[in-house]
Amino acid sequence: MKQGIRFIYVGELIRTPWAPDHLGIIQGLSQLKNEGVISEWKIVDPVLYPDKVVQDCNAFNADLIVHGNTDSLDREWCREIKAPQAFFMGDVQLSKDKYHNWNNWIKNSGQFQGLFISNRDQLGMWSEAFKAPAYFWPHGCYVLDKLEKDDAFKHDLLFIGAMNNGGDYQTRFNLITRLNELYPVDHLTRDDVDGRNQIWRDLSKLYHSSNFVLDVSHFWNIDGYASGRYWYSGGYGACSLTKRFPGCEEFYEDKVHKLYFDTPEEAKELIEFYSKHDDSREKIKIAAYERNKNRHNYKVRFLDMFDKLGIKI
């Protein structure tokens, strides 16, 4: 095998280390280093250390730098960094004009080797605007050594996330509100950094211990798109009650790895049925965890990225 590549990930991994994405990225990079695919890797946090991003990147002599925060597009860092670069957008907005600072992002972007976008519908839009190839590349999740149950973290039906009311987010608010009228939803959320880190630290126990986890992204009409919750709930062994979206069963199969629904009424029926079938519910939890371990983790994601970029390993 040729000498492994030198790699930098520019993202908010030091400030919020317990997010399943962030744990998973570090885990995946560590595994690839152990296997010789990567020779050295470094995390550069653009939120904690914005004044050091360009300096740290240029001093490392990287073969590839991946930017995972839009902070990198809000400034001219990409134009000042002297190394091959790519960008990952894990979130989505419904149209180009909904993305914060879109025109400035294009001006600041320089030349990317590739754009990695968490939905299929907008690949052409991103590629045309940034003049770079765009690839479908969804979130992954940290792989636990083993699943843990703890009754102190158990909920019947749990939803973790913001409940934004208004604009493009109104539809999700209405759906969850309606389901809560039919069946009580326990809601956990925190906006502060310490609070978010605490929820993330507890997330594996919360998800695996609860009977059902409500898994609804802000948008569910975009091909391939689901928020991180979709991947985390699977990876952390939840029985996920998931709002159906285009392409969803490509990733996790219905009634095998997740329970998909279209309406709150259908969700209620699923809860009532699987509340009476504990063994079936537990099989779904284990199957989702195993699916993540094999397919939806960051070792797999980065190998796919390197292949798309033509990086020989």
Protein backbone atom coordinates (compact mmCIF):
# COMPACT_ATOMS: atom_id res chain seq x y z
CA MET A 1 0.00 0.00 0.00
CA LYS A 2 1.20 3.53 -0.76
CA GLN A 3 1.90 5.87 2.13
CA GLY A 4 -1.32 7.07 3.74
CA ILE A 5 -2.71 10.53 3.11
CA ARG A 6 -2.40 13.56 5.39
CA PHE A 7 -5.87 14.81 6.27
CA ILE A 8 -7.49 17.79 8.03
CA TYR A 9 -11.12 18.18 9.05
CA VAL A 10 -12.17 21.78 9.67
CA GLY A 11 -15.22 21.63 11.91
CA GLU A 12 -16.66 22.33 15.33
CA LEU A 13 -15.43 19.09 16.87
CA ILE A 14 -13.48 20.47 19.82
CA ARG A 15 -16.22 22.82 21.05
CA THR A 16 -18.95 20.15 20.86
CA PRO A 17 -17.09 16.82 21.07
CA TRP A 18 -19.99 14.61 22.14
CA ALA A 19 -22.18 15.04 19.06
CA PRO A 20 -22.50 11.61 17.39
CA ASP A 21 -21.26 13.07 14.10
CA HIS A 22 -18.19 14.49 15.79
CA LEU A 23 -17.41 11.35 17.77
CA GLY A 24 -17.93 9.37 14.58
CA ILE A 25 -15.62 11.52 12.47
CA ILE A 26 -12.78 11.13 14.98
CA GLN A 27 -13.50 7.40 15.28
CA GLY A 28 -13.47 6.93 11.51
CA LEU A 29 -10.24 8.89 11.04
CA SER A 30 -8.59 6.95 13.87
CA GLN A 31 -9.58 3.64 12.28
CA LEU A 32 -8.28 4.70 8.88
CA LYS A 33 -4.98 5.77 10.44
CA ASN A 34 -4.67 2.40 12.17
CA GLU A 35 -5.22 0.73 8.80
CA GLY A 36 -2.64 2.92 7.04
CA VAL A 37 -5.15 4.71 4.78
CA ILE A 38 -4.36 7.95 6.60
CA SER A 39 -0.83 8.67 7.81
CA GLU A 40 -1.68 11.73 9.93
CA TRP A 41 -4.86 13.68 10.62
CA LYS A 42 -5.78 16.87 12.45
CA ILE A 43 -8.96 18.62 13.62
CA VAL A 44 -9.10 22.40 13.18
CA ASP A 45 -12.01 24.01 15.05
CA PRO A 46 -13.17 27.18 13.20
CA VAL A 47 -15.48 28.28 16.02
CA LEU A 48 -13.01 28.13 18.91
CA TYR A 49 -9.90 29.13 16.95
CA PRO A 50 -10.94 31.14 13.87
CA ASP A 51 -7.68 33.09 13.77
CA LYS A 52 -5.63 29.88 13.46
CA VAL A 53 -7.50 28.08 10.67
CA VAL A 54 -5.39 29.22 7.71
CA GLN A 55 -2.13 28.97 9.62
CA ASP A 56 -2.83 25.47 10.96
CA CYS A 57 -3.98 24.20 7.57
CA ASN A 58 -1.02 25.59 5.65
CA ALA A 59 1.50 24.30 8.20
CA PHE A 60 0.23 20.71 7.98
CA ASN A 61 1.01 19.93 4.31
CA ALA A 62 -2.30 18.11 3.88
CA ASP A 63 -3.27 15.96 0.92
CA LEU A 64 -6.92 16.83 1.59
CA ILE A 65 -8.76 19.32 3.79
CA VAL A 66 -12.50 18.86 4.34
CA HIS A 67 -14.52 21.82 5.61
CA GLY A 68 -17.58 20.75 7.59
CA ASN A 69 -18.73 24.16 8.84
CA THR A 70 -20.10 27.09 6.86
CA ASP A 71 -17.74 29.26 8.93
CA SER A 72 -15.17 28.31 6.29
CA LEU A 73 -17.37 29.85 3.59
CA ASP A 74 -18.25 32.98 5.55
CA ARG A 75 -14.59 34.05 5.39
CA GLU A 76 -11.87 33.88 2.74
CA TRP A 77 -10.00 31.00 4.38
CA CYS A 78 -10.47 28.59 1.47
CA ARG A 79 -8.77 31.02 -0.90
CA GLU A 80 -5.82 31.40 1.48
CA ILE A 81 -5.27 27.70 2.17
CA LYS A 82 -2.72 26.03 -0.11
CA ALA A 83 -3.96 22.44 -0.27
CA PRO A 84 -6.68 20.40 -2.02
CA GLN A 85 -10.01 21.11 -0.31
CA ALA A 86 -13.57 19.77 -0.21
CA PHE A 87 -16.75 20.91 1.54
CA PHE A 88 -19.44 18.93 3.37
CA MET A 89 -22.95 20.37 3.87
CA GLY A 90 -24.91 18.19 6.28
CA ASP A 91 -27.91 20.50 6.57
CA VAL A 92 -30.36 21.57 3.90
CA GLN A 93 -32.60 24.50 3.02
CA LEU A 94 -35.47 24.36 0.55
CA SER A 95 -33.93 26.64 -2.07
CA LYS A 96 -30.76 28.55 -2.90
CA ASP A 97 -32.07 31.83 -1.50
CA LYS A 98 -32.73 30.17 1.88
CA TYR A 99 -29.06 29.40 2.48
CA HIS A 100 -27.46 32.06 4.65
CA ASN A 101 -24.96 34.19 2.71
CA TRP A 102 -25.03 32.00 -0.42
CA ASN A 103 -23.47 34.54 -2.80
CA ASN A 104 -20.70 35.32 -0.33
CA TRP A 105 -20.02 31.60 0.09
CA ILE A 106 -19.42 31.27 -3.64
CA LYS A 107 -17.11 34.30 -3.67
CA ASN A 108 -15.07 32.93 -0.75
CA SER A 109 -14.93 29.30 -1.81
CA GLY A 110 -11.93 29.20 -4.12
CA GLN A 111 -11.74 25.88 -5.99
CA PHE A 112 -13.02 22.76 -4.26
CA GLN A 113 -12.06 19.26 -5.38
CA GLY A 114 -15.57 18.18 -4.48
CA LEU A 115 -18.77 19.15 -2.66
CA PHE A 116 -20.37 16.53 -0.42
CA ILE A 117 -24.07 17.21 -0.02
CA SER A 118 -26.54 15.36 2.22
CA ASN A 119 -29.31 15.20 -0.38
CA ARG A 120 -29.60 14.25 -4.04
CA ASP A 121 -32.00 16.93 -5.28
CA GLN A 122 -29.57 19.85 -4.91
CA LEU A 123 -26.39 18.29 -6.30
CA GLY A 124 -26.75 20.15 -9.59
CA MET A 125 -27.47 23.45 -7.85
CA TRP A 126 -24.34 23.23 -5.71
CA SER A 127 -22.12 21.98 -8.51
CA GLU A 128 -23.19 24.70 -10.93
CA ALA A 129 -22.82 27.51 -8.39
CA PHE A 130 -19.43 26.44 -6.97
CA LYS A 131 -18.06 25.03 -10.26
CA ALA A 132 -17.05 21.77 -8.61
CA PRO A 133 -18.35 18.20 -8.74
CA ALA A 134 -21.04 17.48 -6.13
CA TYR A 135 -21.62 14.08 -4.57
CA PHE A 136 -24.30 12.62 -2.31
CA TRP A 137 -22.72 12.04 1.11
CA PRO A 138 -25.04 11.73 4.10
CA HIS A 139 -24.30 11.87 7.82
CA GLY A 140 -22.87 8.88 9.65
CA CYS A 141 -22.78 8.02 13.34
CA TYR A 142 -20.35 6.93 16.01
CA VAL A 143 -20.19 3.15 16.47
CA LEU A 144 -20.63 2.08 20.08
CA ASP A 145 -18.73 -0.94 21.36
CA LYS A 146 -21.98 -2.14 22.88
CA LEU A 147 -25.47 -0.80 23.52
CA GLU A 148 -26.42 0.29 27.04
CA LYS A 149 -29.81 0.35 28.72
CA ASP A 150 -30.51 2.38 31.83
CA ASP A 151 -34.04 2.82 33.21
CA ALA A 152 -33.07 6.28 34.48
CA PHE A 153 -33.00 7.39 30.82
CA LYS A 154 -36.11 5.56 29.66
CA HIS A 155 -38.99 7.35 27.94
CA ASP A 156 -42.04 5.92 26.24
CA LEU A 157 -41.92 8.21 23.18
CA LEU A 158 -38.95 10.58 23.08
CA PHE A 159 -38.15 13.49 20.75
CA ILE A 160 -34.83 15.33 21.01
CA GLY A 161 -34.51 18.52 18.99
CA ALA A 162 -35.71 22.06 18.48
CA MET A 163 -39.40 22.79 18.00
CA ASN A 164 -39.18 25.83 15.74
CA ASN A 165 -42.56 27.38 15.04
CA GLY A 166 -42.96 29.39 11.84
CA GLY A 167 -41.75 29.68 8.26
CA ASP A 168 -40.38 26.56 6.61
CA TYR A 169 -40.28 24.75 9.96
CA GLN A 170 -44.00 25.07 10.66
CA THR A 171 -44.89 21.77 9.00
CA ARG A 172 -42.72 19.71 11.34
CA PHE A 173 -43.99 21.68 14.34
CA ASN A 174 -47.56 20.91 13.30
CA LEU A 175 -46.86 17.21 12.80
CA ILE A 176 -45.21 16.73 16.19
CA THR A 177 -47.87 18.84 17.90
CA ARG A 178 -50.60 16.69 16.36
CA LEU A 179 -48.88 13.45 17.36
CA ASN A 180 -48.52 14.77 20.91
CA GLU A 181 -52.30 15.24 20.97
CA LEU A 182 -52.73 11.59 20.00
CA TYR A 183 -49.93 10.13 22.12
CA PRO A 184 -47.71 11.99 24.66
CA VAL A 185 -44.28 12.96 23.36
CA ASP A 186 -41.46 13.60 25.84
CA HIS A 187 -39.43 16.49 24.44
CA LEU A 188 -35.80 17.25 25.33
CA THR A 189 -33.76 20.12 23.93
CA ARG A 190 -31.05 22.58 24.97
CA ASP A 191 -29.71 25.60 23.09
CA ASP A 192 -26.60 26.27 25.19
CA VAL A 193 -23.30 24.51 24.47
CA ASP A 194 -23.04 22.80 27.87
CA GLY A 195 -26.64 21.64 27.67
CA ARG A 196 -26.23 20.25 24.17
CA ASN A 197 -23.05 18.44 25.18
CA GLN A 198 -24.86 16.90 28.16
CA ILE A 199 -27.70 15.59 26.01
CA TRP A 200 -25.19 14.18 23.53
CA ARG A 201 -23.26 12.49 26.36
CA ASP A 202 -26.48 10.80 27.45
CA LEU A 203 -27.81 10.18 23.95
CA SER A 204 -26.85 6.53 23.58
CA LYS A 205 -28.62 5.61 26.82
CA LEU A 206 -31.62 7.81 26.06
CA TYR A 207 -32.12 6.28 22.63
CA HIS A 208 -31.54 2.63 23.45
CA SER A 209 -33.43 2.71 26.78
CA SER A 210 -36.57 4.41 25.45
CA ASN A 211 -39.41 2.41 23.94
CA PHE A 212 -39.70 4.67 20.88
CA VAL A 213 -37.70 7.61 19.52
CA LEU A 214 -39.46 10.11 17.27
CA ASP A 215 -37.32 10.76 14.20
CA VAL A 216 -38.65 13.66 12.10
CA SER A 217 -36.44 15.98 10.05
CA HIS A 218 -37.47 19.57 9.31
CA PHE A 219 -37.99 18.56 5.66
CA TRP A 220 -39.06 15.16 4.33
CA ASN A 221 -39.65 15.77 0.63
CA ILE A 222 -36.01 15.91 -0.54
CA ASP A 223 -34.43 12.81 -2.05
CA GLY A 224 -32.00 11.15 0.35
CA TYR A 225 -32.13 13.90 2.96
CA ALA A 226 -32.53 13.24 6.66
CA SER A 227 -31.08 15.20 9.55
CA GLY A 228 -28.42 13.67 11.78
CA ARG A 229 -31.10 12.30 14.12
CA TYR A 230 -32.03 9.69 11.52
CA TRP A 231 -28.52 8.21 11.59
CA TYR A 232 -27.89 8.70 15.34
CA SER A 233 -31.11 7.00 16.40
CA GLY A 234 -30.25 4.01 14.26
CA GLY A 235 -26.64 3.89 15.36
CA TYR A 236 -27.49 4.20 19.04
CA GLY A 237 -29.96 1.34 18.97
CA ALA A 238 -33.29 3.14 19.08
CA CYS A 239 -36.63 1.88 17.90
CA SER A 240 -37.11 4.88 15.64
CA LEU A 241 -40.53 6.10 14.62
CA THR A 242 -39.43 7.84 11.43
CA LYS A 243 -41.22 10.22 9.06
CA ARG A 244 -40.91 8.70 5.63
CA PHE A 245 -38.82 10.56 2.99
CA PRO A 246 -37.73 9.74 -0.60
CA GLY A 247 -35.11 7.00 -0.60
CA CYS A 248 -35.38 6.21 3.10
CA GLU A 249 -35.55 2.43 2.75
CA GLU A 250 -32.26 2.43 0.86
CA PHE A 251 -30.62 3.16 4.21
CA TYR A 252 -32.82 1.41 6.80
CA GLU A 253 -35.66 -0.98 5.94
CA ASP A 254 -39.20 -0.53 7.21
CA LYS A 255 -40.13 -2.73 10.18
CA VAL A 256 -36.61 -4.19 10.14
CA HIS A 257 -34.43 -1.26 11.21
CA LYS A 258 -37.00 1.53 11.68
CA LEU A 259 -40.75 2.10 11.78
CA TYR A 260 -41.75 4.52 9.01
CA PHE A 261 -44.96 6.57 9.02
CA ASP A 262 -46.65 9.19 6.87
CA THR A 263 -49.25 10.64 9.25
CA PRO A 264 -49.49 11.16 13.01
CA GLU A 265 -52.39 8.75 13.06
CA GLU A 266 -50.27 6.05 11.46
CA ALA A 267 -47.50 6.75 13.98
CA LYS A 268 -49.96 6.25 16.83
CA GLU A 269 -51.04 2.90 15.38
CA LEU A 270 -47.43 1.75 15.17
CA ILE A 271 -46.79 2.76 18.77
CA GLU A 272 -49.85 0.92 20.00
CA PHE A 273 -48.95 -2.24 18.05
CA TYR A 274 -45.27 -2.40 18.99
CA SER A 275 -46.00 -1.50 22.62
CA LYS A 276 -47.62 -4.93 22.78
CA HIS A 277 -44.72 -6.67 21.00
CA ASP A 278 -41.61 -6.03 23.07
CA ASP A 279 -39.52 -8.69 21.31
CA SER A 280 -40.19 -7.19 17.89
CA ARG A 281 -39.31 -3.73 19.16
CA GLU A 282 -36.03 -4.96 20.62
CA LYS A 283 -35.13 -6.75 17.39
CA ILE A 284 -35.54 -3.46 15.52
CA LYS A 285 -33.17 -1.74 17.96
CA ILE A 286 -30.45 -4.34 17.48
CA ALA A 287 -30.92 -4.51 13.72
CA ALA A 288 -30.59 -0.71 13.41
CA TYR A 289 -27.38 -0.75 15.45
CA GLU A 290 -25.91 -3.53 13.32
CA ARG A 291 -26.90 -1.71 10.12
CA ASN A 292 -25.08 1.39 11.29
CA LYS A 293 -22.01 -0.58 12.34
CA ASN A 294 -21.74 -2.05 8.85
CA ARG A 295 -22.90 0.80 6.59
CA HIS A 296 -23.48 4.18 8.23
CA ASN A 297 -20.30 5.10 10.05
CA TYR A 298 -17.50 7.51 9.19
CA LYS A 299 -14.90 4.94 8.24
CA VAL A 300 -17.28 3.89 5.46
CA ARG A 301 -18.16 7.51 4.64
CA PHE A 302 -14.54 8.67 4.31
CA LEU A 303 -13.55 5.69 2.18
CA ASP A 304 -16.45 6.60 -0.10
CA MET A 305 -15.28 10.23 -0.18
CA PHE A 306 -11.72 9.27 -1.09
CA ASP A 307 -13.02 7.00 -3.85
CA LYS A 308 -15.23 9.78 -5.27
CA LEU A 309 -12.27 12.16 -5.29
CA GLY A 310 -10.01 9.61 -7.00
CA ILE A 311 -7.62 9.42 -4.03
CA LYS A 312 -5.65 6.20 -4.30
CA ILE A 313 -5.36 4.24 -1.05
